[in-house]
Each structure stands twice: as structure tokens, then as C-alpha cells.
Amino acid sequence: MKTRPGRPRGLTRLARALGLDRNPLRRATDRAEAWIRVGLLAVFLIAGPMAALGAGHWAHHAGIAVALAAVMTLAAMAMALLAALRLTLAFLSRRRLAAWETAWSRVGPQWSKRRP
């Protein structure tokens, strides 16, 4: 496997795994999915600790257990982001299938004996 000069092999594999490489066979929905995943991960890594600290501060003043409030805040945020990811992936999958149906309706008759 050849890599670009100056680019470590690990970064190339990571980019490919995340769908951020320049593969010409990737559909627009695949690229959108990759960027949505990266964006949601960034939101979690940036806003998660801030939300946990805010919840801990609020819990401290309210007299509730702090470790628990912070952990529950992170868990709730993770669940909300995962739900958003699942809804987005369902939308993108529907869009991919519709594009596949459209493409197949044009090409299918050439490949099979069925005629519309």
C-alpha cells in the first residue's frame, strides 16, 4: 500500500476509516455522513466537558451529588448526540436508496431481460 510522501500511514488509515479520504467512489451522502460524524464527535469533546462542569457547579450549589450529576450530564449528552446521528443516518440511508433506485431504473433494463 502506497502512501503519500510525508503523510504517516496511520493518518491515511484513519482518514479512510472516517471516510475523509479523497476516494472518487464515495457518494456525496457518504462524505456528508463522515463530516456529520466528525462534527458530532467534536461537539461531544468540546461541549461535553463544559456541560459536565456546568452541571457539577449547579449540583454543588443545589446540594446534589456532583460526580453523579456530571456523569449523568455526559451520558445524556452522548445519548442525545447518538440519537441525532441515528436520525441523520436514517435520512441519508433513505436518500442513498432513492438514488440507487433512480440509477437502477435507468441501467437495470440493460442488464436484465425485464423491460418496463
C-alpha atoms as a PDB file:
ATOM      1  CA  MET A   1       0.000   0.000   0.000  1.00  0.00           C
ATOM      2  CA  LYS A   2       1.487   3.287  -1.056  1.00  0.00           C
ATOM      3  CA  THR A   3       1.045   6.417   0.973  1.00  0.00           C
ATOM      4  CA  ARG A   4       1.709   9.993   0.063  1.00  0.00           C
ATOM      5  CA  PRO A   5       5.169  11.245   0.950  1.00  0.00           C
ATOM      6  CA  GLY A   6       5.226  12.993   4.274  1.00  0.00           C
ATOM      7  CA  ARG A   7       1.902  11.566   5.397  1.00  0.00           C
ATOM      8  CA  PRO A   8       2.109   8.881   8.085  1.00  0.00           C
ATOM      9  CA  ARG A   9       0.432   5.575   7.296  1.00  0.00           C
ATOM     10  CA  GLY A  10      -1.686   5.752  10.461  1.00  0.00           C
ATOM     11  CA  LEU A  11      -3.258   9.062   9.423  1.00  0.00           C
ATOM     12  CA  THR A  12      -4.040   7.653   5.986  1.00  0.00           C
ATOM     13  CA  ARG A  13      -5.810   4.682   7.520  1.00  0.00           C
ATOM     14  CA  LEU A  14      -7.692   6.897   9.949  1.00  0.00           C
ATOM     15  CA  ALA A  15      -8.821   9.210   7.157  1.00  0.00           C
ATOM     16  CA  ARG A  16     -10.016   6.226   5.122  1.00  0.00           C
ATOM     17  CA  ALA A  17     -11.825   4.707   8.098  1.00  0.00           C
ATOM     18  CA  LEU A  18     -13.590   8.007   8.824  1.00  0.00           C
ATOM     19  CA  GLY A  19     -14.482   8.439   5.162  1.00  0.00           C
ATOM     20  CA  LEU A  20     -12.429  11.607   4.831  1.00  0.00           C
ATOM     21  CA  ASP A  21     -10.082  10.393   2.113  1.00  0.00           C
ATOM     22  CA  ARG A  22     -10.396  11.547  -1.489  1.00  0.00           C
ATOM     23  CA  ASN A  23     -11.839   8.303  -2.818  1.00  0.00           C
ATOM     24  CA  PRO A  24     -13.682   9.136  -6.062  1.00  0.00           C
ATOM     25  CA  LEU A  25     -16.151   6.301  -5.446  1.00  0.00           C
ATOM     26  CA  ARG A  26     -17.552   7.909  -2.312  1.00  0.00           C
ATOM     27  CA  ARG A  27     -21.009   9.347  -2.796  1.00  0.00           C
ATOM     28  CA  ALA A  28     -21.978  12.790  -1.575  1.00  0.00           C
ATOM     29  CA  THR A  29     -24.060  11.158   1.168  1.00  0.00           C
ATOM     30  CA  ASP A  30     -21.016   9.173   2.308  1.00  0.00           C
ATOM     31  CA  ARG A  31     -18.993  12.370   2.584  1.00  0.00           C
ATOM     32  CA  ALA A  32     -21.858  14.101   4.397  1.00  0.00           C
ATOM     33  CA  GLU A  33     -22.103  11.200   6.834  1.00  0.00           C
ATOM     34  CA  ALA A  34     -18.363  11.352   7.524  1.00  0.00           C
ATOM     35  CA  TRP A  35     -18.467  15.091   8.231  1.00  0.00           C
ATOM     36  CA  ILE A  36     -21.560  14.727  10.416  1.00  0.00           C
ATOM     37  CA  ARG A  37     -19.806  12.045  12.481  1.00  0.00           C
ATOM     38  CA  VAL A  38     -16.714  14.229  12.879  1.00  0.00           C
ATOM     39  CA  GLY A  39     -18.873  17.232  13.784  1.00  0.00           C
ATOM     40  CA  LEU A  40     -20.860  15.343  16.415  1.00  0.00           C
ATOM     41  CA  LEU A  41     -17.662  13.950  17.909  1.00  0.00           C
ATOM     42  CA  ALA A  42     -16.225  17.473  18.077  1.00  0.00           C
ATOM     43  CA  VAL A  43     -19.402  18.746  19.741  1.00  0.00           C
ATOM     44  CA  PHE A  44     -19.186  15.969  22.313  1.00  0.00           C
ATOM     45  CA  LEU A  45     -15.487  16.519  23.005  1.00  0.00           C
ATOM     46  CA  ILE A  46     -15.836  20.300  23.281  1.00  0.00           C
ATOM     47  CA  ALA A  47     -19.287  20.836  24.776  1.00  0.00           C
ATOM     48  CA  GLY A  48     -19.363  17.649  26.875  1.00  0.00           C
ATOM     49  CA  PRO A  49     -16.807  18.701  29.477  1.00  0.00           C
ATOM     50  CA  MET A  50     -18.280  22.199  29.613  1.00  0.00           C
ATOM     51  CA  ALA A  51     -21.766  20.787  30.200  1.00  0.00           C
ATOM     52  CA  ALA A  52     -20.431  18.397  32.836  1.00  0.00           C
ATOM     53  CA  LEU A  53     -18.674  21.240  34.659  1.00  0.00           C
ATOM     54  CA  GLY A  54     -21.817  23.355  34.498  1.00  0.00           C
ATOM     55  CA  ALA A  55     -23.929  20.506  35.846  1.00  0.00           C
ATOM     56  CA  GLY A  56     -21.376  19.857  38.581  1.00  0.00           C
ATOM     57  CA  HIS A  57     -21.382  23.515  39.561  1.00  0.00           C
ATOM     58  CA  TRP A  58     -25.184  23.585  39.617  1.00  0.00           C
ATOM     59  CA  ALA A  59     -25.326  20.348  41.605  1.00  0.00           C
ATOM     60  CA  HIS A  60     -22.782  21.636  44.119  1.00  0.00           C
ATOM     61  CA  HIS A  61     -24.908  24.716  44.803  1.00  0.00           C
ATOM     62  CA  ALA A  62     -28.115  22.690  44.881  1.00  0.00           C
ATOM     63  CA  GLY A  63     -26.627  20.211  47.335  1.00  0.00           C
ATOM     64  CA  ILE A  64     -26.922  17.202  44.997  1.00  0.00           C
ATOM     65  CA  ALA A  65     -24.118  14.700  44.384  1.00  0.00           C
ATOM     66  CA  VAL A  66     -21.713  16.461  41.975  1.00  0.00           C
ATOM     67  CA  ALA A  67     -19.565  13.102  40.311  1.00  0.00           C
ATOM     68  CA  LEU A  68     -23.181  11.683  39.555  1.00  0.00           C
ATOM     69  CA  ALA A  69     -24.573  14.988  38.015  1.00  0.00           C
ATOM     70  CA  ALA A  70     -21.522  15.395  35.775  1.00  0.00           C
ATOM     71  CA  VAL A  71     -21.565  11.779  34.631  1.00  0.00           C
ATOM     72  CA  MET A  72     -25.298  11.832  34.016  1.00  0.00           C
ATOM     73  CA  THR A  73     -24.914  15.038  32.008  1.00  0.00           C
ATOM     74  CA  LEU A  74     -22.238  13.452  29.828  1.00  0.00           C
ATOM     75  CA  ALA A  75     -24.347  10.316  29.411  1.00  0.00           C
ATOM     76  CA  ALA A  76     -27.433  12.337  28.472  1.00  0.00           C
ATOM     77  CA  MET A  77     -25.439  14.399  26.014  1.00  0.00           C
ATOM     78  CA  ALA A  78     -23.944  11.275  24.462  1.00  0.00           C
ATOM     79  CA  MET A  79     -27.393   9.719  24.122  1.00  0.00           C
ATOM     80  CA  ALA A  80     -28.787  12.878  22.509  1.00  0.00           C
ATOM     81  CA  LEU A  81     -25.910  13.056  20.034  1.00  0.00           C
ATOM     82  CA  LEU A  82     -26.246   9.355  19.224  1.00  0.00           C
ATOM     83  CA  ALA A  83     -29.969   9.832  18.620  1.00  0.00           C
ATOM     84  CA  ALA A  84     -29.184  12.745  16.299  1.00  0.00           C
ATOM     85  CA  LEU A  85     -26.630  10.590  14.500  1.00  0.00           C
ATOM     86  CA  ARG A  86     -29.113   7.726  14.078  1.00  0.00           C
ATOM     87  CA  LEU A  87     -31.794  10.046  12.706  1.00  0.00           C
ATOM     88  CA  THR A  88     -29.303  11.594  10.304  1.00  0.00           C
ATOM     89  CA  LEU A  89     -28.070   8.192   9.169  1.00  0.00           C
ATOM     90  CA  ALA A  90     -31.647   7.032   8.590  1.00  0.00           C
ATOM     91  CA  PHE A  91     -32.269  10.124   6.444  1.00  0.00           C
ATOM     92  CA  LEU A  92     -29.042   9.591   4.491  1.00  0.00           C
ATOM     93  CA  SER A  93     -29.806   5.891   4.003  1.00  0.00           C
ATOM     94  CA  ARG A  94     -33.228   6.741   2.586  1.00  0.00           C
ATOM     95  CA  ARG A  95     -31.602   9.222   0.266  1.00  0.00           C
ATOM     96  CA  ARG A  96     -28.969   6.677  -0.834  1.00  0.00           C
ATOM     97  CA  LEU A  97     -31.639   4.071  -1.547  1.00  0.00           C
ATOM     98  CA  ALA A  98     -33.677   6.558  -3.571  1.00  0.00           C
ATOM     99  CA  ALA A  99     -30.580   7.444  -5.610  1.00  0.00           C
ATOM    100  CA  TRP A 100     -29.840   3.745  -6.075  1.00  0.00           C
ATOM    101  CA  GLU A 101     -33.411   3.110  -7.296  1.00  0.00           C
ATOM    102  CA  THR A 102     -33.190   6.005  -9.739  1.00  0.00           C
ATOM    103  CA  ALA A 103     -29.855   4.808 -11.105  1.00  0.00           C
ATOM    104  CA  TRP A 104     -31.030   1.211 -11.315  1.00  0.00           C
ATOM    105  CA  SER A 105     -34.232   2.170 -13.144  1.00  0.00           C
ATOM    106  CA  ARG A 106     -32.037   3.668 -15.874  1.00  0.00           C
ATOM    107  CA  VAL A 107     -29.431   0.888 -16.016  1.00  0.00           C
ATOM    108  CA  GLY A 108     -31.452  -2.151 -14.928  1.00  0.00           C
ATOM    109  CA  PRO A 109     -33.210  -2.845 -18.229  1.00  0.00           C
ATOM    110  CA  GLN A 110     -29.819  -3.027 -19.969  1.00  0.00           C
ATOM    111  CA  TRP A 111     -28.633  -5.693 -17.518  1.00  0.00           C
ATOM    112  CA  SER A 112     -31.731  -7.812 -17.200  1.00  0.00           C
ATOM    113  CA  LYS A 113     -34.313  -9.155 -19.571  1.00  0.00           C
ATOM    114  CA  ARG A 114     -37.084  -7.303 -17.753  1.00  0.00           C
ATOM    115  CA  ARG A 115     -38.418  -4.339 -19.629  1.00  0.00           C
ATOM    116  CA  PRO A 116     -40.565  -1.641 -18.054  1.00  0.00           C
END
